[in-house]
Amino acid sequence: MSQTPEESAVEAERARIASRAELLPEEAAAGSDDPEHQAEEILQESDERTLDPEATGQEYTQTSSPDQRPA
């Protein structure tokens, strides 16, 4: 049975979250009560920065300013 595009997108997002929920060594050392939720939050912030770097540049400390970005 074939999946709809929506089902495929949901499945892809679940796989992305599950992959990110595998803790990095430093995250494992610090511990996480809910790696899946942590992964969702990390990926959401990453998506926001990727989709609109100009708007999020001041909001997130890991986002560079326009003059710091490579040309």
PDB file of N, CA and C in Angstrom:
ATOM      1  N   MET A   1       0.847  -1.182   0.000  1.00  0.00           N
ATOM      2  CA  MET A   1       0.000   0.000   0.000  1.00  0.00           C
ATOM      3  C   MET A   1       0.888   1.239   0.000  1.00  0.00           C
ATOM      4  N   SER A   2       0.528   2.204  -0.805  1.00  0.00           N
ATOM      5  CA  SER A   2       1.307   3.425  -0.963  1.00  0.00           C
ATOM      6  C   SER A   2       0.892   4.467   0.079  1.00  0.00           C
ATOM      7  N   GLN A   3       1.872   5.254   0.506  1.00  0.00           N
ATOM      8  CA  GLN A   3       1.584   6.306   1.473  1.00  0.00           C
ATOM      9  C   GLN A   3       1.217   7.594   0.746  1.00  0.00           C
ATOM     10  N   THR A   4       0.404   8.390   1.404  1.00  0.00           N
ATOM     11  CA  THR A   4       0.111   9.723   0.871  1.00  0.00           C
ATOM     12  C   THR A   4       1.335  10.601   1.140  1.00  0.00           C
ATOM     13  N   PRO A   5       1.454  11.722   0.443  1.00  0.00           N
ATOM     14  CA  PRO A   5       2.571  12.628   0.727  1.00  0.00           C
ATOM     15  C   PRO A   5       2.601  13.093   2.186  1.00  0.00           C
ATOM     16  N   GLU A   6       1.428  13.291   2.756  1.00  0.00           N
ATOM     17  CA  GLU A   6       1.353  13.724   4.155  1.00  0.00           C
ATOM     18  C   GLU A   6       1.890  12.639   5.095  1.00  0.00           C
ATOM     19  N   GLU A   7       1.511  11.389   4.821  1.00  0.00           N
ATOM     20  CA  GLU A   7       2.001  10.279   5.641  1.00  0.00           C
ATOM     21  C   GLU A   7       3.514  10.127   5.497  1.00  0.00           C
ATOM     22  N   SER A   8       4.004  10.302   4.295  1.00  0.00           N
ATOM     23  CA  SER A   8       5.449  10.226   4.065  1.00  0.00           C
ATOM     24  C   SER A   8       6.181  11.321   4.822  1.00  0.00           C
ATOM     25  N   ALA A   9       5.606  12.525   4.821  1.00  0.00           N
ATOM     26  CA  ALA A   9       6.232  13.646   5.523  1.00  0.00           C
ATOM     27  C   ALA A   9       6.253  13.402   7.031  1.00  0.00           C
ATOM     28  N   VAL A  10       5.155  12.875   7.556  1.00  0.00           N
ATOM     29  CA  VAL A  10       5.082  12.570   8.994  1.00  0.00           C
ATOM     30  C   VAL A  10       6.106  11.502   9.349  1.00  0.00           C
ATOM     31  N   GLU A  11       6.191  10.478   8.534  1.00  0.00           N
ATOM     32  CA  GLU A  11       7.150   9.405   8.781  1.00  0.00           C
ATOM     33  C   GLU A  11       8.593   9.922   8.719  1.00  0.00           C
ATOM     34  N   ALA A  12       8.871  10.786   7.750  1.00  0.00           N
ATOM     35  CA  ALA A  12      10.218  11.349   7.622  1.00  0.00           C
ATOM     36  C   ALA A  12      10.564  12.203   8.843  1.00  0.00           C
ATOM     37  N   GLU A  13       9.609  12.978   9.326  1.00  0.00           N
ATOM     38  CA  GLU A  13       9.855  13.822  10.501  1.00  0.00           C
ATOM     39  C   GLU A  13      10.066  12.967  11.745  1.00  0.00           C
ATOM     40  N   ARG A  14       9.305  11.897  11.885  1.00  0.00           N
ATOM     41  CA  ARG A  14       9.498  10.987  13.024  1.00  0.00           C
ATOM     42  C   ARG A  14      10.886  10.351  12.988  1.00  0.00           C
ATOM     43  N   ALA A  15      11.317   9.965  11.798  1.00  0.00           N
ATOM     44  CA  ALA A  15      12.654   9.380  11.650  1.00  0.00           C
ATOM     45  C   ALA A  15      13.727  10.403  11.977  1.00  0.00           C
ATOM     46  N   ARG A  16      13.527  11.631  11.561  1.00  0.00           N
ATOM     47  CA  ARG A  16      14.478  12.714  11.850  1.00  0.00           C
ATOM     48  C   ARG A  16      14.582  12.950  13.352  1.00  0.00           C
ATOM     49  N   ILE A  17      13.452  12.975  14.026  1.00  0.00           N
ATOM     50  CA  ILE A  17      13.439  13.180  15.479  1.00  0.00           C
ATOM     51  C   ILE A  17      14.096  11.989  16.180  1.00  0.00           C
ATOM     52  N   ALA A  18      13.760  10.789  15.759  1.00  0.00           N
ATOM     53  CA  ALA A  18      14.343   9.596  16.382  1.00  0.00           C
ATOM     54  C   ALA A  18      15.857   9.582  16.214  1.00  0.00           C
ATOM     55  N   SER A  19      16.323   9.995  15.049  1.00  0.00           N
ATOM     56  CA  SER A  19      17.763  10.038  14.807  1.00  0.00           C
ATOM     57  C   SER A  19      18.436  11.058  15.726  1.00  0.00           C
ATOM     58  N   ARG A  20      17.818  12.236  15.871  1.00  0.00           N
ATOM     59  CA  ARG A  20      18.413  13.280  16.719  1.00  0.00           C
ATOM     60  C   ARG A  20      18.276  12.941  18.193  1.00  0.00           C
ATOM     61  N   ALA A  21      17.322  12.102  18.533  1.00  0.00           N
ATOM     62  CA  ALA A  21      17.116  11.723  19.936  1.00  0.00           C
ATOM     63  C   ALA A  21      18.230  10.816  20.448  1.00  0.00           C
ATOM     64  N   GLU A  22      19.030  10.265  19.542  1.00  0.00           N
ATOM     65  CA  GLU A  22      20.201   9.506  19.964  1.00  0.00           C
ATOM     66  C   GLU A  22      21.203  10.525  20.501  1.00  0.00           C
ATOM     67  N   LEU A  23      21.385  10.534  21.802  1.00  0.00           N
ATOM     68  CA  LEU A  23      22.153  11.581  22.453  1.00  0.00           C
ATOM     69  C   LEU A  23      23.620  11.572  22.042  1.00  0.00           C
ATOM     70  N   LEU A  24      24.149  12.795  21.888  1.00  0.00           N
ATOM     71  CA  LEU A  24      25.582  12.965  21.678  1.00  0.00           C
ATOM     72  C   LEU A  24      26.283  12.626  22.991  1.00  0.00           C
ATOM     73  N   PRO A  25      27.567  12.294  22.954  1.00  0.00           N
ATOM     74  CA  PRO A  25      28.259  11.913  24.199  1.00  0.00           C
ATOM     75  C   PRO A  25      28.109  12.948  25.317  1.00  0.00           C
ATOM     76  N   GLU A  26      28.234  14.229  24.972  1.00  0.00           N
ATOM     77  CA  GLU A  26      28.116  15.250  26.020  1.00  0.00           C
ATOM     78  C   GLU A  26      26.686  15.371  26.531  1.00  0.00           C
ATOM     79  N   GLU A  27      25.698  15.093  25.675  1.00  0.00           N
ATOM     80  CA  GLU A  27      24.311  15.100  26.128  1.00  0.00           C
ATOM     81  C   GLU A  27      24.037  13.902  27.027  1.00  0.00           C
ATOM     82  N   ALA A  28      24.590  12.763  26.667  1.00  0.00           N
ATOM     83  CA  ALA A  28      24.422  11.561  27.490  1.00  0.00           C
ATOM     84  C   ALA A  28      25.054  11.756  28.863  1.00  0.00           C
ATOM     85  N   ALA A  29      26.204  12.415  28.891  1.00  0.00           N
ATOM     86  CA  ALA A  29      26.882  12.669  30.165  1.00  0.00           C
ATOM     87  C   ALA A  29      26.037  13.584  31.051  1.00  0.00           C
ATOM     88  N   ALA A  30      25.386  14.568  30.434  1.00  0.00           N
ATOM     89  CA  ALA A  30      24.545  15.496  31.200  1.00  0.00           C
ATOM     90  C   ALA A  30      23.207  14.862  31.551  1.00  0.00           C
ATOM     91  N   GLY A  31      22.777  13.908  30.728  1.00  0.00           N
ATOM     92  CA  GLY A  31      21.498  13.235  30.959  1.00  0.00           C
ATOM     93  C   GLY A  31      20.348  13.968  30.297  1.00  0.00           C
ATOM     94  N   SER A  32      19.312  13.242  30.019  1.00  0.00           N
ATOM     95  CA  SER A  32      18.102  13.806  29.422  1.00  0.00           C
ATOM     96  C   SER A  32      16.914  12.982  29.890  1.00  0.00           C
ATOM     97  N   ASP A  33      15.923  13.649  30.454  1.00  0.00           N
ATOM     98  CA  ASP A  33      14.723  12.962  30.911  1.00  0.00           C
ATOM     99  C   ASP A  33      13.844  12.528  29.737  1.00  0.00           C
ATOM    100  N   ASP A  34      13.941  13.268  28.635  1.00  0.00           N
ATOM    101  CA  ASP A  34      13.074  12.985  27.491  1.00  0.00           C
ATOM    102  C   ASP A  34      13.828  13.318  26.196  1.00  0.00           C
ATOM    103  N   PRO A  35      14.681  12.412  25.728  1.00  0.00           N
ATOM    104  CA  PRO A  35      15.469  12.681  24.522  1.00  0.00           C
ATOM    105  C   PRO A  35      14.626  12.999  23.292  1.00  0.00           C
ATOM    106  N   GLU A  36      13.450  12.389  23.162  1.00  0.00           N
ATOM    107  CA  GLU A  36      12.592  12.670  22.009  1.00  0.00           C
ATOM    108  C   GLU A  36      12.112  14.121  22.033  1.00  0.00           C
ATOM    109  N   HIS A  37      11.654  14.583  23.185  1.00  0.00           N
ATOM    110  CA  HIS A  37      11.189  15.967  23.301  1.00  0.00           C
ATOM    111  C   HIS A  37      12.360  16.930  23.085  1.00  0.00           C
ATOM    112  N   GLN A  38      13.496  16.611  23.663  1.00  0.00           N
ATOM    113  CA  GLN A  38      14.687  17.430  23.482  1.00  0.00           C
ATOM    114  C   GLN A  38      15.031  17.520  21.988  1.00  0.00           C
ATOM    115  N   ALA A  39      14.961  16.410  21.288  1.00  0.00           N
ATOM    116  CA  ALA A  39      15.257  16.391  19.854  1.00  0.00           C
ATOM    117  C   ALA A  39      14.265  17.259  19.080  1.00  0.00           C
ATOM    118  N   GLU A  40      12.987  17.174  19.419  1.00  0.00           N
ATOM    119  CA  GLU A  40      11.979  18.002  18.749  1.00  0.00           C
ATOM    120  C   GLU A  40      12.294  19.482  18.912  1.00  0.00           C
ATOM    121  N   GLU A  41      12.637  19.890  20.137  1.00  0.00           N
ATOM    122  CA  GLU A  41      12.939  21.294  20.408  1.00  0.00           C
ATOM    123  C   GLU A  41      14.198  21.751  19.646  1.00  0.00           C
ATOM    124  N   ILE A  42      15.232  20.939  19.666  1.00  0.00           N
ATOM    125  CA  ILE A  42      16.474  21.272  18.971  1.00  0.00           C
ATOM    126  C   ILE A  42      16.213  21.424  17.476  1.00  0.00           C
ATOM    127  N   LEU A  43      15.485  20.477  16.901  1.00  0.00           N
ATOM    128  CA  LEU A  43      15.218  20.526  15.468  1.00  0.00           C
ATOM    129  C   LEU A  43      14.311  21.696  15.098  1.00  0.00           C
ATOM    130  N   GLN A  44      13.353  22.014  15.943  1.00  0.00           N
ATOM    131  CA  GLN A  44      12.470  23.156  15.678  1.00  0.00           C
ATOM    132  C   GLN A  44      13.278  24.454  15.650  1.00  0.00           C
ATOM    133  N   GLU A  45      14.151  24.651  16.635  1.00  0.00           N
ATOM    134  CA  GLU A  45      14.985  25.852  16.662  1.00  0.00           C
ATOM    135  C   GLU A  45      15.917  25.896  15.457  1.00  0.00           C
ATOM    136  N   SER A  46      16.475  24.756  15.098  1.00  0.00           N
ATOM    137  CA  SER A  46      17.351  24.685  13.938  1.00  0.00           C
ATOM    138  C   SER A  46      16.599  25.056  12.662  1.00  0.00           C
ATOM    139  N   ASP A  47      15.395  24.539  12.514  1.00  0.00           N
ATOM    140  CA  ASP A  47      14.583  24.862  11.338  1.00  0.00           C
ATOM    141  C   ASP A  47      14.281  26.356  11.275  1.00  0.00           C
ATOM    142  N   GLU A  48      13.951  26.951  12.421  1.00  0.00           N
ATOM    143  CA  GLU A  48      13.657  28.387  12.458  1.00  0.00           C
ATOM    144  C   GLU A  48      14.870  29.189  12.000  1.00  0.00           C
ATOM    145  N   ARG A  49      16.041  28.823  12.502  1.00  0.00           N
ATOM    146  CA  ARG A  49      17.266  29.543  12.119  1.00  0.00           C
ATOM    147  C   ARG A  49      17.586  29.348  10.643  1.00  0.00           C
ATOM    148  N   THR A  50      17.335  28.157  10.124  1.00  0.00           N
ATOM    149  CA  THR A  50      17.616  27.863   8.726  1.00  0.00           C
ATOM    150  C   THR A  50      16.653  28.592   7.797  1.00  0.00           C
ATOM    151  N   LEU A  51      15.385  28.602   8.143  1.00  0.00           N
ATOM    152  CA  LEU A  51      14.367  29.203   7.282  1.00  0.00           C
ATOM    153  C   LEU A  51      14.407  30.729   7.291  1.00  0.00           C
ATOM    154  N   ASP A  52      14.819  31.334   8.393  1.00  0.00           N
ATOM    155  CA  ASP A  52      14.813  32.795   8.485  1.00  0.00           C
ATOM    156  C   ASP A  52      15.983  33.282   9.329  1.00  0.00           C
ATOM    157  N   PRO A  53      17.213  33.163   8.812  1.00  0.00           N
ATOM    158  CA  PRO A  53      18.378  33.538   9.609  1.00  0.00           C
ATOM    159  C   PRO A  53      18.426  35.016   9.990  1.00  0.00           C
ATOM    160  N   GLU A  54      17.898  35.883   9.134  1.00  0.00           N
ATOM    161  CA  GLU A  54      17.917  37.316   9.448  1.00  0.00           C
ATOM    162  C   GLU A  54      17.039  37.629  10.659  1.00  0.00           C
ATOM    163  N   ALA A  55      15.877  37.019  10.727  1.00  0.00           N
ATOM    164  CA  ALA A  55      14.945  37.287  11.823  1.00  0.00           C
ATOM    165  C   ALA A  55      15.370  36.627  13.125  1.00  0.00           C
ATOM    166  N   THR A  56      16.064  35.501  13.037  1.00  0.00           N
ATOM    167  CA  THR A  56      16.418  34.774  14.247  1.00  0.00           C
ATOM    168  C   THR A  56      17.831  35.058  14.728  1.00  0.00           C
ATOM    169  N   GLY A  57      18.589  35.839  13.987  1.00  0.00           N
ATOM    170  CA  GLY A  57      19.979  36.104  14.323  1.00  0.00           C
ATOM    171  C   GLY A  57      20.192  36.676  15.709  1.00  0.00           C
ATOM    172  N   GLN A  58      19.298  37.531  16.155  1.00  0.00           N
ATOM    173  CA  GLN A  58      19.428  38.134  17.479  1.00  0.00           C
ATOM    174  C   GLN A  58      18.866  37.237  18.571  1.00  0.00           C
ATOM    175  N   GLU A  59      17.981  36.341  18.185  1.00  0.00           N
ATOM    176  CA  GLU A  59      17.273  35.507  19.160  1.00  0.00           C
ATOM    177  C   GLU A  59      18.103  34.322  19.648  1.00  0.00           C
ATOM    178  N   TYR A  60      18.901  33.730  18.761  1.00  0.00           N
ATOM    179  CA  TYR A  60      19.646  32.530  19.100  1.00  0.00           C
ATOM    180  C   TYR A  60      21.138  32.816  19.115  1.00  0.00           C
ATOM    181  N   THR A  61      21.805  32.392  20.169  1.00  0.00           N
ATOM    182  CA  THR A  61      23.233  32.667  20.304  1.00  0.00           C
ATOM    183  C   THR A  61      24.081  31.890  19.317  1.00  0.00           C
ATOM    184  N   GLN A  62      23.571  30.807  18.743  1.00  0.00           N
ATOM    185  CA  GLN A  62      24.343  30.016  17.794  1.00  0.00           C
ATOM    186  C   GLN A  62      24.183  30.503  16.355  1.00  0.00           C
ATOM    187  N   THR A  63      23.423  31.547  16.147  1.00  0.00           N
ATOM    188  CA  THR A  63      23.220  32.094  14.812  1.00  0.00           C
ATOM    189  C   THR A  63      24.178  33.261  14.629  1.00  0.00           C
ATOM    190  N   SER A  64      24.900  33.252  13.535  1.00  0.00           N
ATOM    191  CA  SER A  64      25.837  34.332  13.269  1.00  0.00           C
ATOM    192  C   SER A  64      25.105  35.573  12.779  1.00  0.00           C
ATOM    193  N   SER A  65      25.761  36.708  12.908  1.00  0.00           N
ATOM    194  CA  SER A  65      25.205  37.947  12.376  1.00  0.00           C
ATOM    195  C   SER A  65      25.563  38.013  10.891  1.00  0.00           C
ATOM    196  N   PRO A  66      24.869  38.843  10.125  1.00  0.00           N
ATOM    197  CA  PRO A  66      25.139  38.911   8.696  1.00  0.00           C
ATOM    198  C   PRO A  66      26.610  39.191   8.351  1.00  0.00           C
ATOM    199  N   ASP A  67      27.270  40.028   9.120  1.00  0.00           N
ATOM    200  CA  ASP A  67      28.672  40.332   8.819  1.00  0.00           C
ATOM    201  C   ASP A  67      29.626  39.209   9.192  1.00  0.00           C
ATOM    202  N   GLN A  68      29.164  38.221   9.947  1.00  0.00           N
ATOM    203  CA  GLN A  68      29.992  37.080  10.332  1.00  0.00           C
ATOM    204  C   GLN A  68      29.845  35.910   9.371  1.00  0.00           C
ATOM    205  N   ARG A  69      28.866  35.980   8.480  1.00  0.00           N
ATOM    206  CA  ARG A  69      28.602  34.869   7.562  1.00  0.00           C
ATOM    207  C   ARG A  69      29.507  34.944   6.343  1.00  0.00           C
ATOM    208  N   PRO A  70      29.900  33.794   5.825  1.00  0.00           N
ATOM    209  CA  PRO A  70      30.708  33.792   4.595  1.00  0.00           C
ATOM    210  C   PRO A  70      29.912  34.363   3.426  1.00  0.00           C
ATOM    211  N   ALA A  71      30.590  34.986   2.531  1.00  0.00           N
ATOM    212  CA  ALA A  71      29.927  35.602   1.367  1.00  0.00           C
ATOM    213  C   ALA A  71      29.508  34.557   0.355  1.00  0.00           C
TER     214      ALA A  71
END
